């Protein structure tokens, strides 16, 4: 029985708090009007326009760049692509030439996490294949492609 009386006391206290809130609102404290428009989702519109020349500069929070600097990402150097029928894949053997969709002088795509970020040209560096970067994609182009 004591638990019920404690519960009733708590409920009584909460009802008093609700009555106080109602009293405050009736004393002229303005509340935000509720929109009758069913399409209004209560979103606040802000103007996030950039100053001239600022839109091409990446925005990095203080210290965030240093924090993320050691994160490893997958980098793919893509010479080209092609499509083959399954029968052609079965017929692959040593010495088979597979033609790609690019010409010999076309730039090579550099992808980071499967997104193109740069282009370059194939070269040999100390007996290893390498790519010399010749073009870096504009950040706005990167956003549009993804």
Protein backbone atom coordinates (compact mmCIF):
# COMPACT_ATOMS: atom_id res chain seq x y z
CA UNK A 1 0.00 0.00 0.00
CA UNK A 2 2.86 2.35 0.77
CA UNK A 3 4.15 1.90 -2.80
CA UNK A 4 0.78 3.03 -4.19
CA UNK A 5 0.71 6.11 -1.99
CA UNK A 6 4.29 6.97 -3.02
CA UNK A 7 3.29 6.56 -6.66
CA UNK A 8 0.23 8.76 -6.15
CA UNK A 9 2.39 11.42 -4.51
CA UNK A 10 4.82 11.34 -7.45
CA UNK A 11 1.96 11.58 -9.93
CA UNK A 12 0.46 14.43 -7.97
CA UNK A 13 3.81 16.27 -8.05
CA UNK A 14 4.11 15.75 -11.84
CA UNK A 15 0.56 17.01 -12.39
CA UNK A 16 1.50 20.15 -10.47
CA UNK A 17 4.53 20.62 -12.72
CA UNK A 18 2.31 20.31 -15.80
CA UNK A 19 -0.10 22.86 -14.33
CA UNK A 20 2.85 25.23 -13.72
CA UNK A 21 3.94 24.81 -17.36
CA UNK A 22 0.39 25.65 -18.48
CA UNK A 23 0.38 28.66 -16.21
CA UNK A 24 3.67 29.90 -17.70
CA UNK A 25 2.35 29.57 -21.24
CA UNK A 26 -0.80 31.49 -20.30
CA UNK A 27 1.35 34.31 -18.86
CA UNK A 28 2.45 35.35 -22.36
CA UNK A 29 5.54 33.21 -22.88
CA UNK A 30 5.56 32.71 -26.64
CA UNK A 31 5.77 29.22 -28.03
CA UNK A 32 6.76 28.40 -31.62
CA UNK A 33 3.65 28.12 -33.79
CA UNK A 34 2.94 24.64 -35.11
CA UNK A 35 2.81 24.56 -38.89
CA UNK A 36 -0.40 23.33 -40.46
CA UNK A 37 1.46 22.47 -43.71
CA UNK A 38 1.71 18.63 -43.96
CA UNK A 39 4.89 18.99 -46.07
CA UNK A 40 6.65 21.02 -43.37
CA UNK A 41 9.03 18.71 -41.53
CA UNK A 42 10.24 21.34 -39.10
CA UNK A 43 13.60 21.73 -40.87
CA UNK A 44 15.57 24.93 -40.41
CA UNK A 45 16.86 26.41 -43.63
CA UNK A 46 20.31 28.00 -43.51
CA UNK A 47 22.36 29.72 -46.22
CA UNK A 48 25.69 27.90 -46.52
CA UNK A 49 27.01 29.86 -49.49
CA UNK A 50 30.77 30.13 -49.96
CA UNK A 51 32.85 33.23 -50.47
CA UNK A 52 34.47 33.54 -53.90
CA UNK A 53 37.19 30.89 -54.37
CA UNK A 54 36.32 29.19 -51.09
CA UNK A 55 34.17 26.38 -52.54
CA UNK A 56 37.21 24.49 -53.94
CA UNK A 57 39.01 24.40 -50.60
CA UNK A 58 38.37 21.34 -48.42
CA UNK A 59 37.05 22.15 -44.97
CA UNK A 60 38.88 20.20 -42.25
CA UNK A 61 38.18 20.63 -38.55
CA UNK A 62 41.17 21.50 -36.38
CA UNK A 63 43.15 18.35 -35.61
CA UNK A 64 40.89 16.09 -37.69
CA UNK A 65 43.33 15.97 -40.59
CA UNK A 66 46.13 14.86 -38.25
CA UNK A 67 43.86 12.27 -36.66
CA UNK A 68 42.89 10.75 -40.03
CA UNK A 69 46.33 11.00 -41.66
CA UNK A 70 47.30 7.38 -40.86
CA UNK A 71 44.02 5.79 -42.02
CA UNK A 72 44.82 3.32 -44.81
CA UNK A 73 42.71 3.37 -47.97
CA UNK A 74 42.64 0.96 -50.91
CA UNK A 75 44.32 2.48 -53.99
CA UNK A 76 43.69 0.90 -57.39
CA UNK A 77 45.63 1.75 -60.53
CA UNK A 78 43.34 0.82 -63.39
CA UNK A 79 44.88 0.22 -66.82
CA UNK A 80 41.51 -0.45 -68.44
CA UNK A 81 38.48 -2.70 -68.55
CA UNK A 82 36.78 -5.10 -70.88
CA UNK A 83 33.76 -7.39 -70.94
CA UNK A 84 34.03 -11.01 -71.99
CA UNK A 85 31.56 -13.83 -72.39
CA UNK A 86 31.96 -16.71 -69.98
CA UNK A 87 33.05 -18.93 -72.91
CA UNK A 88 35.98 -16.50 -73.55
CA UNK A 89 36.99 -16.70 -69.88
CA UNK A 90 36.96 -20.53 -70.10
CA UNK A 91 39.23 -20.27 -73.17
CA UNK A 92 41.91 -18.18 -71.41
CA UNK A 93 45.37 -19.73 -71.54
CA UNK A 94 48.95 -18.58 -71.23
CA UNK A 95 49.71 -16.21 -74.09
CA UNK A 96 46.10 -15.04 -74.61
CA UNK A 97 45.91 -11.29 -75.28
CA UNK A 98 43.05 -9.46 -73.57
CA UNK A 99 42.31 -6.09 -75.17
CA UNK A 100 41.26 -3.23 -72.89
CA UNK A 101 38.99 -0.26 -73.50
CA UNK A 102 41.88 2.27 -73.48
CA UNK A 103 44.50 3.28 -75.99
CA UNK A 104 48.22 2.97 -75.19
CA UNK A 105 48.64 6.74 -74.60
CA UNK A 106 45.43 7.23 -72.58
CA UNK A 107 45.88 8.29 -68.95
CA UNK A 108 45.60 5.60 -66.29
CA UNK A 109 42.89 5.99 -63.64
CA UNK A 110 43.85 6.17 -59.96
CA UNK A 111 40.99 5.12 -57.69
CA UNK A 112 40.77 5.43 -53.92
CA UNK A 113 38.09 3.22 -52.37
CA UNK A 114 36.72 2.67 -55.90
CA UNK A 115 36.33 6.43 -56.55
CA UNK A 116 38.45 8.13 -59.23
CA UNK A 117 40.72 10.77 -57.67
CA UNK A 118 43.51 11.23 -60.23
CA UNK A 119 44.99 10.14 -63.56
CA UNK A 120 48.54 9.39 -64.57
CA UNK A 121 50.90 7.64 -66.93
CA UNK A 122 52.55 4.25 -66.53
CA UNK A 123 56.31 4.22 -66.08
CA UNK A 124 59.06 1.95 -64.81
CA UNK A 125 60.77 3.07 -61.61
CA UNK A 126 63.68 0.99 -60.26
CA UNK A 127 62.48 -2.15 -62.10
CA UNK A 128 58.92 -1.77 -60.80
CA UNK A 129 55.81 -0.47 -62.51
CA UNK A 130 54.69 2.92 -61.25
CA UNK A 131 52.32 5.71 -62.18
CA UNK A 132 53.29 9.38 -62.50
CA UNK A 133 50.30 11.54 -61.50
CA UNK A 134 49.44 13.96 -64.31
CA UNK A 135 45.98 15.13 -63.26
CA UNK A 136 44.12 15.40 -59.95
CA UNK A 137 40.35 15.45 -60.07
CA UNK A 138 38.62 18.60 -58.88
CA UNK A 139 36.85 17.96 -55.52
CA UNK A 140 33.52 19.16 -56.97
CA UNK A 141 33.87 16.61 -59.81
CA UNK A 142 34.50 13.87 -57.24
CA UNK A 143 31.31 14.73 -55.36
CA UNK A 144 29.23 14.78 -58.57
CA UNK A 145 30.50 11.34 -59.67
CA UNK A 146 29.64 9.72 -56.31
